[in-house]
C-alpha atoms as a PDB file:
ATOM      1  CA  MET A   1     -11.851   2.919  40.165  1.00  0.00           C
ATOM      2  CA  ALA A   2      -9.892   1.882  37.081  1.00  0.00           C
ATOM      3  CA  PRO A   3      -6.088   2.101  37.329  1.00  0.00           C
ATOM      4  CA  THR A   4      -4.363   5.190  35.921  1.00  0.00           C
ATOM      5  CA  TRP A   5      -2.678   3.282  33.080  1.00  0.00           C
ATOM      6  CA  ALA A   6      -6.079   1.960  31.927  1.00  0.00           C
ATOM      7  CA  LEU A   7      -7.571   5.477  31.875  1.00  0.00           C
ATOM      8  CA  LEU A   8      -4.544   6.764  29.958  1.00  0.00           C
ATOM      9  CA  ASP A   9      -4.932   3.949  27.424  1.00  0.00           C
ATOM     10  CA  VAL A  10      -8.623   4.810  26.942  1.00  0.00           C
ATOM     11  CA  CYS A  11      -7.749   8.511  26.467  1.00  0.00           C
ATOM     12  CA  MET A  12      -5.132   7.681  23.826  1.00  0.00           C
ATOM     13  CA  GLU A  13      -7.557   5.364  22.049  1.00  0.00           C
ATOM     14  CA  ALA A  14     -10.215   8.095  22.075  1.00  0.00           C
ATOM     15  CA  ALA A  15      -7.694  10.538  20.607  1.00  0.00           C
ATOM     16  CA  SER A  16      -6.720   7.962  17.963  1.00  0.00           C
ATOM     17  CA  ALA A  17     -10.383   7.408  17.065  1.00  0.00           C
ATOM     18  CA  LEU A  18     -11.023  11.126  16.617  1.00  0.00           C
ATOM     19  CA  VAL A  19      -7.832  11.632  14.600  1.00  0.00           C
ATOM     20  CA  GLY A  20      -8.752   8.570  12.505  1.00  0.00           C
ATOM     21  CA  LEU A  21     -12.115  10.141  11.677  1.00  0.00           C
ATOM     22  CA  LEU A  22     -10.327  13.393  10.801  1.00  0.00           C
ATOM     23  CA  VAL A  23      -7.999  11.429   8.511  1.00  0.00           C
ATOM     24  CA  GLY A  24     -11.071  10.069   6.728  1.00  0.00           C
ATOM     25  CA  ILE A  25     -12.635  13.529   6.398  1.00  0.00           C
ATOM     26  CA  TYR A  26      -9.448  15.193   5.167  1.00  0.00           C
ATOM     27  CA  ALA A  27      -8.773  12.327   2.758  1.00  0.00           C
ATOM     28  CA  LEU A  28     -12.036  13.268   1.020  1.00  0.00           C
ATOM     29  CA  LYS A  29     -11.054  16.956   1.022  1.00  0.00           C
ATOM     30  CA  ALA A  30      -7.647  16.043  -0.408  1.00  0.00           C
ATOM     31  CA  TYR A  31      -9.361  13.965  -3.105  1.00  0.00           C
ATOM     32  CA  ARG A  32     -11.387  17.005  -4.145  1.00  0.00           C
ATOM     33  CA  THR A  33      -8.105  18.894  -4.518  1.00  0.00           C
ATOM     34  CA  VAL A  34      -5.940  16.366  -6.399  1.00  0.00           C
ATOM     35  CA  ARG A  35      -8.532  13.839  -7.693  1.00  0.00           C
ATOM     36  CA  GLU A  36      -6.417  10.819  -6.746  1.00  0.00           C
ATOM     37  CA  ARG A  37      -8.623   7.725  -6.409  1.00  0.00           C
ATOM     38  CA  SER A  38      -6.589   6.121  -3.595  1.00  0.00           C
ATOM     39  CA  LEU A  39      -7.697   8.983  -1.334  1.00  0.00           C
ATOM     40  CA  LEU A  40     -11.298   7.765  -1.611  1.00  0.00           C
ATOM     41  CA  TYR A  41     -10.203   4.359  -0.268  1.00  0.00           C
ATOM     42  CA  LEU A  42      -8.325   6.162   2.509  1.00  0.00           C
ATOM     43  CA  ASN A  43     -11.472   8.151   3.302  1.00  0.00           C
ATOM     44  CA  THR A  44     -13.707   5.090   3.583  1.00  0.00           C
ATOM     45  CA  SER A  45     -11.200   2.908   5.423  1.00  0.00           C
ATOM     46  CA  PHE A  46     -10.393   5.456   8.142  1.00  0.00           C
ATOM     47  CA  LEU A  47     -14.030   6.382   8.661  1.00  0.00           C
ATOM     48  CA  VAL A  48     -14.694   2.675   9.267  1.00  0.00           C
ATOM     49  CA  ILE A  49     -11.624   2.263  11.517  1.00  0.00           C
ATOM     50  CA  GLY A  50     -12.319   5.459  13.485  1.00  0.00           C
ATOM     51  CA  SER A  51     -15.976   4.502  13.994  1.00  0.00           C
ATOM     52  CA  GLY A  52     -15.003   1.052  15.291  1.00  0.00           C
ATOM     53  CA  MET A  53     -12.464   2.537  17.687  1.00  0.00           C
ATOM     54  CA  LEU A  54     -14.921   5.179  18.909  1.00  0.00           C
ATOM     55  CA  THR A  55     -17.538   2.483  19.582  1.00  0.00           C
ATOM     56  CA  ARG A  56     -15.073   0.616  21.797  1.00  0.00           C
ATOM     57  CA  VAL A  57     -14.122   3.848  23.600  1.00  0.00           C
ATOM     58  CA  PHE A  58     -17.789   4.643  24.352  1.00  0.00           C
ATOM     59  CA  VAL A  59     -18.296   1.142  25.786  1.00  0.00           C
ATOM     60  CA  LEU A  60     -15.120   1.366  27.891  1.00  0.00           C
ATOM     61  CA  VAL A  61     -16.068   4.805  29.234  1.00  0.00           C
ATOM     62  CA  TYR A  62     -19.573   3.549  30.076  1.00  0.00           C
ATOM     63  CA  LEU A  63     -18.245   0.475  31.888  1.00  0.00           C
ATOM     64  CA  ILE A  64     -15.685   2.511  33.851  1.00  0.00           C
ATOM     65  CA  ALA A  65     -18.100   5.363  34.685  1.00  0.00           C
ATOM     66  CA  THR A  66     -20.873   3.024  35.864  1.00  0.00           C
ATOM     67  CA  GLN A  67     -18.498   0.595  37.590  1.00  0.00           C
ATOM     68  CA  ARG A  68     -20.003  -2.277  35.592  1.00  0.00           C
ATOM     69  CA  LEU A  69     -16.748  -3.871  34.547  1.00  0.00           C
ATOM     70  CA  GLN A  70     -18.345  -7.286  35.093  1.00  0.00           C
ATOM     71  CA  LEU A  71     -20.397  -6.842  31.884  1.00  0.00           C
ATOM     72  CA  HIS A  72     -17.845  -8.746  29.829  1.00  0.00           C
ATOM     73  CA  PHE A  73     -20.245  -9.370  26.951  1.00  0.00           C
ATOM     74  CA  LEU A  74     -20.398  -5.618  26.209  1.00  0.00           C
ATOM     75  CA  LEU A  75     -16.620  -5.365  26.121  1.00  0.00           C
ATOM     76  CA  GLN A  76     -16.386  -8.482  23.949  1.00  0.00           C
ATOM     77  CA  ALA A  77     -18.955  -7.034  21.520  1.00  0.00           C
ATOM     78  CA  ALA A  78     -17.050  -3.722  21.365  1.00  0.00           C
ATOM     79  CA  ASN A  79     -13.754  -5.552  20.791  1.00  0.00           C
ATOM     80  CA  LEU A  80     -15.346  -7.572  17.983  1.00  0.00           C
ATOM     81  CA  ILE A  81     -16.638  -4.389  16.316  1.00  0.00           C
ATOM     82  CA  TYR A  82     -13.170  -2.844  16.627  1.00  0.00           C
ATOM     83  CA  ILE A  83     -11.436  -5.910  15.188  1.00  0.00           C
ATOM     84  CA  LEU A  84     -13.834  -6.247  12.244  1.00  0.00           C
ATOM     85  CA  SER A  85     -13.766  -2.512  11.440  1.00  0.00           C
ATOM     86  CA  THR A  86      -9.964  -2.428  11.549  1.00  0.00           C
ATOM     87  CA  LEU A  87      -9.636  -5.501   9.344  1.00  0.00           C
ATOM     88  CA  ALA A  88     -12.198  -4.103   6.889  1.00  0.00           C
ATOM     89  CA  GLY A  89     -10.438  -0.729   6.766  1.00  0.00           C
ATOM     90  CA  TYR A  90      -6.962  -2.121   6.101  1.00  0.00           C
ATOM     91  CA  LEU A  91      -8.350  -4.653   3.623  1.00  0.00           C
ATOM     92  CA  MET A  92      -9.886  -1.781   1.627  1.00  0.00           C
ATOM     93  CA  LEU A  93      -6.498  -0.086   1.500  1.00  0.00           C
ATOM     94  CA  ALA A  94      -4.735  -3.297   0.447  1.00  0.00           C
ATOM     95  CA  LEU A  95      -7.262  -3.910  -2.332  1.00  0.00           C
ATOM     96  CA  ALA A  96      -6.825  -0.300  -3.457  1.00  0.00           C
ATOM     97  CA  TYR A  97      -3.218  -1.188  -4.262  1.00  0.00           C
ATOM     98  CA  SER A  98      -4.029  -4.625  -5.709  1.00  0.00           C
ATOM     99  CA  GLY A  99      -3.292  -3.394  -9.227  1.00  0.00           C
ATOM    100  CA  ARG A 100       0.384  -2.990  -8.263  1.00  0.00           C
ATOM    101  CA  GLY A 101       2.648  -5.806  -7.159  1.00  0.00           C
ATOM    102  CA  LEU A 102       0.613  -8.609  -5.611  1.00  0.00           C
ATOM    103  CA  GLY A 103      -2.861  -9.056  -7.055  1.00  0.00           C
ATOM    104  CA  LYS A 104      -6.148  -9.786  -5.305  1.00  0.00           C
ATOM    105  CA  THR A 105      -5.620 -13.547  -5.656  1.00  0.00           C
ATOM    106  CA  ALA A 106      -2.260 -13.366  -3.901  1.00  0.00           C
ATOM    107  CA  ILE A 107      -3.703 -11.236  -1.093  1.00  0.00           C
ATOM    108  CA  THR A 108      -6.515 -13.738  -0.583  1.00  0.00           C
ATOM    109  CA  ALA A 109      -4.090 -16.695  -0.542  1.00  0.00           C
ATOM    110  CA  GLN A 110      -1.910 -15.026   2.102  1.00  0.00           C
ATOM    111  CA  LEU A 111      -4.942 -14.202   4.253  1.00  0.00           C
ATOM    112  CA  VAL A 112      -6.158 -17.792   4.092  1.00  0.00           C
ATOM    113  CA  SER A 113      -2.737 -19.018   5.248  1.00  0.00           C
ATOM    114  CA  LEU A 114      -2.853 -16.590   8.187  1.00  0.00           C
ATOM    115  CA  LEU A 115      -6.296 -17.904   9.180  1.00  0.00           C
ATOM    116  CA  GLU A 116      -4.634 -21.201  10.077  1.00  0.00           C
ATOM    117  CA  LEU A 117      -3.154 -19.572  13.203  1.00  0.00           C
ATOM    118  CA  SER A 118      -4.880 -20.654  16.408  1.00  0.00           C
ATOM    119  CA  ARG A 119      -4.752 -17.602  18.711  1.00  0.00           C
ATOM    120  CA  PRO A 120      -7.524 -15.078  17.850  1.00  0.00           C
ATOM    121  CA  LEU A 121      -5.668 -12.002  19.183  1.00  0.00           C
ATOM    122  CA  LEU A 122      -2.437 -13.039  17.504  1.00  0.00           C
ATOM    123  CA  LEU A 123      -4.366 -13.758  14.318  1.00  0.00           C
ATOM    124  CA  PHE A 124      -5.944 -10.281  14.323  1.00  0.00           C
ATOM    125  CA  HIS A 125      -2.601  -8.498  14.638  1.00  0.00           C
ATOM    126  CA  MET A 126      -0.920 -10.800  12.107  1.00  0.00           C
ATOM    127  CA  ILE A 127      -3.573 -10.111   9.465  1.00  0.00           C
ATOM    128  CA  ASP A 128      -3.475  -6.376  10.122  1.00  0.00           C
ATOM    129  CA  ALA A 129       0.326  -6.446   9.937  1.00  0.00           C
ATOM    130  CA  PHE A 130       0.205  -8.345   6.629  1.00  0.00           C
ATOM    131  CA  LEU A 131      -2.229  -5.837   5.099  1.00  0.00           C
ATOM    132  CA  LEU A 132      -0.186  -2.888   6.361  1.00  0.00           C
ATOM    133  CA  ILE A 133       3.071  -4.359   5.043  1.00  0.00           C
ATOM    134  CA  TYR A 134       1.408  -4.664   1.644  1.00  0.00           C
ATOM    135  CA  VAL A 135       0.207  -1.037   1.786  1.00  0.00           C
ATOM    136  CA  CYS A 136       3.632   0.208   2.961  1.00  0.00           C
ATOM    137  CA  SER A 137       5.473  -1.657   0.203  1.00  0.00           C
ATOM    138  CA  ASN A 138       3.325   0.096  -2.407  1.00  0.00           C
ATOM    139  CA  LEU A 139       3.800   3.454  -0.714  1.00  0.00           C
ATOM    140  CA  VAL A 140       7.584   2.930  -0.813  1.00  0.00           C
ATOM    141  CA  SER A 141       7.359   2.310  -4.569  1.00  0.00           C
ATOM    142  CA  SER A 142       5.210   5.426  -5.026  1.00  0.00           C
ATOM    143  CA  TYR A 143       7.599   7.550  -2.974  1.00  0.00           C
ATOM    144  CA  ILE A 144      10.638   6.316  -4.954  1.00  0.00           C
ATOM    145  CA  ALA A 145       8.842   7.297  -8.161  1.00  0.00           C
ATOM    146  CA  ASP A 146       7.504  10.700  -7.046  1.00  0.00           C
ATOM    147  CA  ARG A 147       9.733  11.813  -4.126  1.00  0.00           C
ATOM    148  CA  SER A 148       6.755  13.691  -2.679  1.00  0.00           C
ATOM    149  CA  ARG A 149       7.047  15.038   0.862  1.00  0.00           C
ATOM    150  CA  ALA A 150       3.369  14.311   1.520  1.00  0.00           C
ATOM    151  CA  GLN A 151       3.837  10.681   0.424  1.00  0.00           C
ATOM    152  CA  LEU A 152       6.832  10.380   2.747  1.00  0.00           C
ATOM    153  CA  ILE A 153       4.725  11.566   5.702  1.00  0.00           C
ATOM    154  CA  VAL A 154       1.936   9.148   4.731  1.00  0.00           C
ATOM    155  CA  LEU A 155       4.476   6.319   4.524  1.00  0.00           C
ATOM    156  CA  ALA A 156       5.862   7.262   7.948  1.00  0.00           C
ATOM    157  CA  GLY A 157       2.306   7.230   9.337  1.00  0.00           C
ATOM    158  CA  PHE A 158       1.558   3.751   8.019  1.00  0.00           C
ATOM    159  CA  LEU A 159       4.923   2.462   9.258  1.00  0.00           C
ATOM    160  CA  LEU A 160       4.043   3.738  12.742  1.00  0.00           C
ATOM    161  CA  ILE A 161       0.627   2.070  12.566  1.00  0.00           C
ATOM    162  CA  LEU A 162       2.343  -1.145  11.451  1.00  0.00           C
ATOM    163  CA  SER A 163       4.742  -0.846  14.388  1.00  0.00           C
ATOM    164  CA  SER A 164       1.808  -0.455  16.786  1.00  0.00           C
ATOM    165  CA  HIS A 165       0.484  -3.847  15.683  1.00  0.00           C
ATOM    166  CA  ALA A 166       3.877  -5.370  16.393  1.00  0.00           C
ATOM    167  CA  MET A 167       3.710  -4.330  20.056  1.00  0.00           C
ATOM    168  CA  PRO A 168       1.131  -6.963  21.154  1.00  0.00           C
ATOM    169  CA  LEU A 169       3.158  -9.635  19.346  1.00  0.00           C
ATOM    170  CA  LEU A 170       6.427  -8.546  21.004  1.00  0.00           C
ATOM    171  CA  ALA A 171       4.594  -8.316  24.344  1.00  0.00           C
ATOM    172  CA  PHE A 172       4.645 -12.110  24.478  1.00  0.00           C
ATOM    173  CA  ILE A 173       8.405 -11.684  24.971  1.00  0.00           C
ATOM    174  CA  TYR A 174       8.421  -8.386  26.921  1.00  0.00           C
ATOM    175  CA  PRO A 175       4.918  -7.490  28.314  1.00  0.00           C
ATOM    176  CA  PRO A 176       5.550  -3.737  29.016  1.00  0.00           C
ATOM    177  CA  LEU A 177       5.720  -3.152  25.247  1.00  0.00           C
ATOM    178  CA  LEU A 178       1.942  -3.605  25.124  1.00  0.00           C
ATOM    179  CA  PHE A 179       1.447  -0.110  26.569  1.00  0.00           C
ATOM    180  CA  LEU A 180       3.244   1.454  23.588  1.00  0.00           C
ATOM    181  CA  GLU A 181       0.591   0.242  21.123  1.00  0.00           C
ATOM    182  CA  ALA A 182      -1.882   3.119  21.602  1.00  0.00           C
ATOM    183  CA  ALA A 183       0.823   5.820  21.658  1.00  0.00           C
ATOM    184  CA  ILE A 184       2.518   4.615  18.460  1.00  0.00           C
ATOM    185  CA  ARG A 185      -0.838   4.209  16.667  1.00  0.00           C
ATOM    186  CA  LEU A 186      -1.829   7.754  17.660  1.00  0.00           C
ATOM    187  CA  ALA A 187       1.476   9.068  16.275  1.00  0.00           C
ATOM    188  CA  GLY A 188       0.791   7.227  12.999  1.00  0.00           C
ATOM    189  CA  PHE A 189      -2.734   8.629  12.707  1.00  0.00           C
ATOM    190  CA  LEU A 190      -1.425  12.143  13.409  1.00  0.00           C
ATOM    191  CA  SER A 191       1.174  11.765  10.645  1.00  0.00           C
ATOM    192  CA  LEU A 192      -1.545  10.812   8.156  1.00  0.00           C
ATOM    193  CA  PHE A 193      -3.702  13.723   9.300  1.00  0.00           C
ATOM    194  CA  VAL A 194      -0.855  16.219   8.833  1.00  0.00           C
ATOM    195  CA  ALA A 195      -0.114  14.924   5.315  1.00  0.00           C
ATOM    196  CA  LEU A 196      -3.760  14.970   4.224  1.00  0.00           C
ATOM    197  CA  ALA A 197      -4.497  18.344   5.797  1.00  0.00           C
ATOM    198  CA  THR A 198      -1.505  19.780   3.917  1.00  0.00           C
ATOM    199  CA  VAL A 199      -2.878  18.479   0.600  1.00  0.00           C
ATOM    200  CA  ALA A 200      -6.514  19.372   1.372  1.00  0.00           C
ATOM    201  CA  LEU A 201      -5.681  22.965   2.305  1.00  0.00           C
ATOM    202  CA  ARG A 202      -3.472  23.487  -0.745  1.00  0.00           C
ATOM    203  CA  ARG A 203      -4.723  26.293  -2.956  1.00  0.00           C
END
């Protein structure tokens, strides 16, 4: 039997995956309402991220339910799918903002410099953090220009997601922080969902 904390982590990741897919769906609905192109990138990126997360959840549930936790290759494959889908999703968002501030060349140069890090897990979170910082910086600029409540909620959501990626890095110093990652990410996804649902349901 898996420990309680592991089951709780899987439940929060499942909730995050479902909310992530809802974010993607409502981003498309919001696009049909306001016709803002960045919402199409949000739609695609969160459908990719949510699908990758849901794949890992299905594998984890299968391994726990069948008591086949020794099948490490399945877990490694699911983790790889999750990592690649998350990187692809955030990269889409970063490139969506490449016309403002840093350009595509600068983004590529920064990513190449991050690839020189040696620890794969650390590398994954560092790249995600870099992409999210780029997205957040552009959202701050947009919010300063428009002062939109929906943009503020979206910014808060991405800042929470960024914070969730900081937890594994800070866990090297204080390990219990690792358990906050899923909860903070779920809060970020929920913030995005609320903002997009508000726009999508606007008449």
